[in-house]
């Protein structure tokens, strides 16, 4: 029997929730975005990584061969006109949300271990020229903010500043500039 999941807890719900929210976004005409914690186990274009984070458009229009598996999310996408292979361990997904309204779900970041080493700034390269976007948890009672401009399809960006702490009340995902 595998040691990765005990019989008391079962397998992780994260891959199932990611697939469900991806389906919900697609069924409602929204664009599903993934926020990913990047370390050496994540295969993404490092020039688009900032502060060990990247936001990826995982809509069918922006990806090719999308596989939302239990262990990995894999697909091909264009970055700067060049097709790239993307491989993201499911436990590195920190959020999935709809670009258009910010609705989605956040997950805990992976815990520090010997396997998880942050990407050094020298490897990360320069940030993308696209406008930066990020996520923050905000109260659903909070006033709506204007939507930030979207990154080009298949391209990714990361937040310019660290996210604000969540406001009291029920959290929801909101995009910020």
C-alpha atoms as a PDB file:
ATOM      1  CA  UNK A   1       0.000   0.000   0.000  1.00  0.00           C
ATOM      2  CA  UNK A   2       1.238   3.501  -0.823  1.00  0.00           C
ATOM      3  CA  UNK A   3       2.579   5.650   1.979  1.00  0.00           C
ATOM      4  CA  UNK A   4       1.510   8.879   0.234  1.00  0.00           C
ATOM      5  CA  UNK A   5      -2.068   8.746   1.495  1.00  0.00           C
ATOM      6  CA  UNK A   6      -3.316   7.136   4.657  1.00  0.00           C
ATOM      7  CA  UNK A   7      -6.569   5.201   4.646  1.00  0.00           C
ATOM      8  CA  UNK A   8      -7.975   7.591   7.263  1.00  0.00           C
ATOM      9  CA  UNK A   9      -7.491  10.717   5.128  1.00  0.00           C
ATOM     10  CA  UNK A  10      -7.748   9.351   1.592  1.00  0.00           C
ATOM     11  CA  UNK A  11      -6.117  11.085  -1.330  1.00  0.00           C
ATOM     12  CA  UNK A  12      -5.803  14.839  -1.663  1.00  0.00           C
ATOM     13  CA  UNK A  13      -8.928  16.746  -2.693  1.00  0.00           C
ATOM     14  CA  UNK A  14      -6.847  19.412  -4.470  1.00  0.00           C
ATOM     15  CA  UNK A  15      -6.715  17.774  -7.943  1.00  0.00           C
ATOM     16  CA  UNK A  16     -10.456  17.089  -7.848  1.00  0.00           C
ATOM     17  CA  UNK A  17     -11.241  20.677  -6.831  1.00  0.00           C
ATOM     18  CA  UNK A  18      -8.937  22.023  -9.553  1.00  0.00           C
ATOM     19  CA  UNK A  19     -10.715  19.922 -12.190  1.00  0.00           C
ATOM     20  CA  UNK A  20     -14.145  20.955 -10.852  1.00  0.00           C
ATOM     21  CA  UNK A  21     -13.300  24.667 -10.889  1.00  0.00           C
ATOM     22  CA  UNK A  22     -11.735  24.349 -14.349  1.00  0.00           C
ATOM     23  CA  UNK A  23     -14.995  22.754 -15.560  1.00  0.00           C
ATOM     24  CA  UNK A  24     -17.055  25.457 -13.844  1.00  0.00           C
ATOM     25  CA  UNK A  25     -15.007  28.221 -15.493  1.00  0.00           C
ATOM     26  CA  UNK A  26     -15.271  26.562 -18.904  1.00  0.00           C
ATOM     27  CA  UNK A  27     -19.010  25.868 -18.592  1.00  0.00           C
ATOM     28  CA  UNK A  28     -19.660  29.516 -17.692  1.00  0.00           C
ATOM     29  CA  UNK A  29     -17.462  31.026 -20.402  1.00  0.00           C
ATOM     30  CA  UNK A  30     -14.773  32.177 -17.947  1.00  0.00           C
ATOM     31  CA  UNK A  31     -11.013  31.873 -18.369  1.00  0.00           C
ATOM     32  CA  UNK A  32      -9.437  29.584 -15.726  1.00  0.00           C
ATOM     33  CA  UNK A  33      -6.164  30.867 -14.284  1.00  0.00           C
ATOM     34  CA  UNK A  34      -3.772  28.949 -12.023  1.00  0.00           C
ATOM     35  CA  UNK A  35      -1.519  30.644  -9.499  1.00  0.00           C
ATOM     36  CA  UNK A  36       1.511  28.416  -8.937  1.00  0.00           C
ATOM     37  CA  UNK A  37       4.335  28.386  -6.387  1.00  0.00           C
ATOM     38  CA  UNK A  38       7.503  27.853  -8.437  1.00  0.00           C
ATOM     39  CA  UNK A  39      10.506  25.882  -7.304  1.00  0.00           C
ATOM     40  CA  UNK A  40      12.835  23.438  -9.037  1.00  0.00           C
ATOM     41  CA  UNK A  41      10.079  20.806  -9.418  1.00  0.00           C
ATOM     42  CA  UNK A  42       7.899  23.105 -11.570  1.00  0.00           C
ATOM     43  CA  UNK A  43       8.557  23.306 -15.321  1.00  0.00           C
ATOM     44  CA  UNK A  44       7.514  26.771 -16.517  1.00  0.00           C
ATOM     45  CA  UNK A  45       9.266  29.578 -18.445  1.00  0.00           C
ATOM     46  CA  UNK A  46      11.406  31.074 -15.684  1.00  0.00           C
ATOM     47  CA  UNK A  47      11.478  34.512 -17.321  1.00  0.00           C
ATOM     48  CA  UNK A  48       7.801  34.892 -16.324  1.00  0.00           C
ATOM     49  CA  UNK A  49       8.360  33.905 -12.676  1.00  0.00           C
ATOM     50  CA  UNK A  50       8.409  36.620 -10.043  1.00  0.00           C
ATOM     51  CA  UNK A  51       8.768  36.044  -6.301  1.00  0.00           C
ATOM     52  CA  UNK A  52       8.586  32.290  -6.945  1.00  0.00           C
ATOM     53  CA  UNK A  53       5.070  32.660  -8.400  1.00  0.00           C
ATOM     54  CA  UNK A  54       3.544  32.467 -11.838  1.00  0.00           C
ATOM     55  CA  UNK A  55      -0.044  32.840 -13.045  1.00  0.00           C
ATOM     56  CA  UNK A  56      -1.019  30.598 -15.953  1.00  0.00           C
ATOM     57  CA  UNK A  57      -4.012  30.734 -18.287  1.00  0.00           C
ATOM     58  CA  UNK A  58      -5.228  27.112 -18.480  1.00  0.00           C
ATOM     59  CA  UNK A  59      -8.199  27.739 -20.764  1.00  0.00           C
ATOM     60  CA  UNK A  60      -8.570  25.399 -23.744  1.00  0.00           C
ATOM     61  CA  UNK A  61      -7.903  28.315 -26.121  1.00  0.00           C
ATOM     62  CA  UNK A  62      -4.518  29.011 -24.498  1.00  0.00           C
ATOM     63  CA  UNK A  63      -3.329  25.417 -24.032  1.00  0.00           C
ATOM     64  CA  UNK A  64      -2.725  22.309 -26.058  1.00  0.00           C
ATOM     65  CA  UNK A  65      -2.926  18.794 -24.631  1.00  0.00           C
ATOM     66  CA  UNK A  66      -4.140  19.926 -21.198  1.00  0.00           C
ATOM     67  CA  UNK A  67      -4.015  17.071 -18.650  1.00  0.00           C
ATOM     68  CA  UNK A  68      -5.363  17.820 -15.168  1.00  0.00           C
ATOM     69  CA  UNK A  69      -4.004  14.746 -13.390  1.00  0.00           C
ATOM     70  CA  UNK A  70      -3.924  13.784  -9.727  1.00  0.00           C
ATOM     71  CA  UNK A  71      -0.171  14.411  -9.412  1.00  0.00           C
ATOM     72  CA  UNK A  72       0.657  16.849 -12.243  1.00  0.00           C
ATOM     73  CA  UNK A  73      -0.968  19.421 -14.511  1.00  0.00           C
ATOM     74  CA  UNK A  74       0.627  19.207 -17.940  1.00  0.00           C
ATOM     75  CA  UNK A  75       0.090  21.174 -21.159  1.00  0.00           C
ATOM     76  CA  UNK A  76       1.748  23.133 -23.930  1.00  0.00           C
ATOM     77  CA  UNK A  77       1.301  26.894 -24.189  1.00  0.00           C
ATOM     78  CA  UNK A  78       2.815  29.777 -26.111  1.00  0.00           C
ATOM     79  CA  UNK A  79       4.934  32.322 -24.290  1.00  0.00           C
ATOM     80  CA  UNK A  80       6.219  35.177 -26.415  1.00  0.00           C
ATOM     81  CA  UNK A  81       5.162  33.243 -29.536  1.00  0.00           C
ATOM     82  CA  UNK A  82       7.166  30.153 -28.574  1.00  0.00           C
ATOM     83  CA  UNK A  83       5.498  26.835 -27.615  1.00  0.00           C
ATOM     84  CA  UNK A  84       6.625  25.590 -24.187  1.00  0.00           C
ATOM     85  CA  UNK A  85       5.985  22.401 -22.203  1.00  0.00           C
ATOM     86  CA  UNK A  86       4.464  23.175 -18.797  1.00  0.00           C
ATOM     87  CA  UNK A  87       4.495  20.702 -15.894  1.00  0.00           C
ATOM     88  CA  UNK A  88       3.112  21.751 -12.512  1.00  0.00           C
ATOM     89  CA  UNK A  89       2.894  19.429  -9.499  1.00  0.00           C
ATOM     90  CA  UNK A  90      -0.692  19.673  -8.213  1.00  0.00           C
ATOM     91  CA  UNK A  91       0.535  20.459  -4.691  1.00  0.00           C
ATOM     92  CA  UNK A  92       2.210  23.624  -6.051  1.00  0.00           C
ATOM     93  CA  UNK A  93      -1.102  25.123  -7.219  1.00  0.00           C
ATOM     94  CA  UNK A  94      -1.938  27.885  -4.729  1.00  0.00           C
ATOM     95  CA  UNK A  95      -5.145  29.049  -6.454  1.00  0.00           C
ATOM     96  CA  UNK A  96      -7.466  28.495  -9.385  1.00  0.00           C
ATOM     97  CA  UNK A  97      -9.847  31.279 -10.328  1.00  0.00           C
ATOM     98  CA  UNK A  98     -11.840  32.860 -13.150  1.00  0.00           C
ATOM     99  CA  UNK A  99     -10.010  35.781 -14.733  1.00  0.00           C
ATOM    100  CA  UNK A 100     -13.233  37.658 -15.395  1.00  0.00           C
ATOM    101  CA  UNK A 101     -14.615  37.798 -11.846  1.00  0.00           C
ATOM    102  CA  UNK A 102     -11.889  36.466  -9.520  1.00  0.00           C
ATOM    103  CA  UNK A 103     -14.092  33.670  -8.180  1.00  0.00           C
ATOM    104  CA  UNK A 104     -12.223  30.500  -7.354  1.00  0.00           C
ATOM    105  CA  UNK A 105     -10.354  28.749  -4.596  1.00  0.00           C
ATOM    106  CA  UNK A 106      -7.024  29.206  -2.853  1.00  0.00           C
ATOM    107  CA  UNK A 107      -4.920  26.358  -1.451  1.00  0.00           C
ATOM    108  CA  UNK A 108      -2.063  26.260   1.054  1.00  0.00           C
ATOM    109  CA  UNK A 109       1.388  26.680  -0.472  1.00  0.00           C
ATOM    110  CA  UNK A 110       3.603  23.583  -0.383  1.00  0.00           C
ATOM    111  CA  UNK A 111       5.400  23.023   2.888  1.00  0.00           C
ATOM    112  CA  UNK A 112       9.149  23.510   2.994  1.00  0.00           C
ATOM    113  CA  UNK A 113      11.187  20.356   2.597  1.00  0.00           C
ATOM    114  CA  UNK A 114      14.487  19.283   1.146  1.00  0.00           C
ATOM    115  CA  UNK A 115      12.722  18.727  -2.206  1.00  0.00           C
ATOM    116  CA  UNK A 116      11.388  22.288  -2.414  1.00  0.00           C
ATOM    117  CA  UNK A 117      14.125  24.786  -3.125  1.00  0.00           C
ATOM    118  CA  UNK A 118      13.093  28.251  -4.313  1.00  0.00           C
ATOM    119  CA  UNK A 119      14.242  29.326  -7.752  1.00  0.00           C
ATOM    120  CA  UNK A 120      17.178  31.726  -7.299  1.00  0.00           C
ATOM    121  CA  UNK A 121      16.552  35.203  -8.786  1.00  0.00           C
ATOM    122  CA  UNK A 122      19.376  34.702 -11.311  1.00  0.00           C
ATOM    123  CA  UNK A 123      17.528  31.682 -12.748  1.00  0.00           C
ATOM    124  CA  UNK A 124      14.173  33.402 -12.794  1.00  0.00           C
ATOM    125  CA  UNK A 125      15.336  35.920 -15.400  1.00  0.00           C
ATOM    126  CA  UNK A 126      13.586  39.187 -15.995  1.00  0.00           C
ATOM    127  CA  UNK A 127       9.867  39.551 -15.408  1.00  0.00           C
ATOM    128  CA  UNK A 128       7.469  39.627 -18.337  1.00  0.00           C
ATOM    129  CA  UNK A 129       6.674  42.933 -19.978  1.00  0.00           C
ATOM    130  CA  UNK A 130       2.952  42.192 -19.605  1.00  0.00           C
ATOM    131  CA  UNK A 131       1.075  44.021 -16.851  1.00  0.00           C
ATOM    132  CA  UNK A 132       1.504  42.275 -13.522  1.00  0.00           C
ATOM    133  CA  UNK A 133      -1.459  40.613 -11.859  1.00  0.00           C
ATOM    134  CA  UNK A 134      -1.865  38.888  -8.555  1.00  0.00           C
ATOM    135  CA  UNK A 135      -4.307  37.416  -6.140  1.00  0.00           C
ATOM    136  CA  UNK A 136      -5.434  38.429  -2.747  1.00  0.00           C
ATOM    137  CA  UNK A 137      -8.168  37.175  -0.520  1.00  0.00           C
ATOM    138  CA  UNK A 138     -10.775  39.818   0.129  1.00  0.00           C
ATOM    139  CA  UNK A 139     -14.094  39.934   1.864  1.00  0.00           C
ATOM    140  CA  UNK A 140     -17.065  39.317  -0.422  1.00  0.00           C
ATOM    141  CA  UNK A 141     -18.688  42.327   1.215  1.00  0.00           C
ATOM    142  CA  UNK A 142     -15.836  44.572   0.048  1.00  0.00           C
ATOM    143  CA  UNK A 143     -16.493  47.034  -2.745  1.00  0.00           C
ATOM    144  CA  UNK A 144     -15.742  45.725  -6.200  1.00  0.00           C
ATOM    145  CA  UNK A 145     -12.447  46.840  -7.683  1.00  0.00           C
ATOM    146  CA  UNK A 146     -11.962  47.570 -11.373  1.00  0.00           C
ATOM    147  CA  UNK A 147     -10.561  44.579 -13.237  1.00  0.00           C
ATOM    148  CA  UNK A 148      -6.863  44.596 -14.008  1.00  0.00           C
ATOM    149  CA  UNK A 149      -5.875  44.206 -17.656  1.00  0.00           C
ATOM    150  CA  UNK A 150      -5.497  40.536 -18.576  1.00  0.00           C
ATOM    151  CA  UNK A 151      -2.238  38.953 -19.658  1.00  0.00           C
ATOM    152  CA  UNK A 152      -2.193  37.845 -23.293  1.00  0.00           C
ATOM    153  CA  UNK A 153      -3.583  34.339 -23.777  1.00  0.00           C
ATOM    154  CA  UNK A 154      -1.072  31.667 -22.842  1.00  0.00           C
ATOM    155  CA  UNK A 155       1.189  34.205 -21.212  1.00  0.00           C
ATOM    156  CA  UNK A 156       1.750  34.460 -17.516  1.00  0.00           C
ATOM    157  CA  UNK A 157       2.558  37.152 -15.028  1.00  0.00           C
ATOM    158  CA  UNK A 158       3.145  37.421 -11.310  1.00  0.00           C
ATOM    159  CA  UNK A 159       2.248  39.993  -8.677  1.00  0.00           C
ATOM    160  CA  UNK A 160       4.326  43.186  -8.361  1.00  0.00           C
ATOM    161  CA  UNK A 161       3.796  43.463  -4.601  1.00  0.00           C
ATOM    162  CA  UNK A 162       3.016  40.864  -1.948  1.00  0.00           C
ATOM    163  CA  UNK A 163      -0.699  40.196  -1.465  1.00  0.00           C
ATOM    164  CA  UNK A 164      -2.507  42.054   1.298  1.00  0.00           C
ATOM    165  CA  UNK A 165      -3.645  40.076   4.337  1.00  0.00           C
ATOM    166  CA  UNK A 166      -7.229  38.838   4.085  1.00  0.00           C
ATOM    167  CA  UNK A 167      -9.965  41.116   5.371  1.00  0.00           C
ATOM    168  CA  UNK A 168     -12.318  39.815   8.055  1.00  0.00           C
ATOM    169  CA  UNK A 169     -15.353  37.980   6.742  1.00  0.00           C
ATOM    170  CA  UNK A 170     -15.840  35.344   4.104  1.00  0.00           C
ATOM    171  CA  UNK A 171     -12.861  35.304   1.684  1.00  0.00           C
ATOM    172  CA  UNK A 172     -13.055  35.331  -2.087  1.00  0.00           C
ATOM    173  CA  UNK A 173     -10.355  35.740  -4.723  1.00  0.00           C
ATOM    174  CA  UNK A 174      -9.963  39.160  -6.309  1.00  0.00           C
ATOM    175  CA  UNK A 175      -7.402  40.211  -8.913  1.00  0.00           C
ATOM    176  CA  UNK A 176      -5.356  43.304  -8.136  1.00  0.00           C
ATOM    177  CA  UNK A 177      -3.113  45.482 -10.244  1.00  0.00           C
END
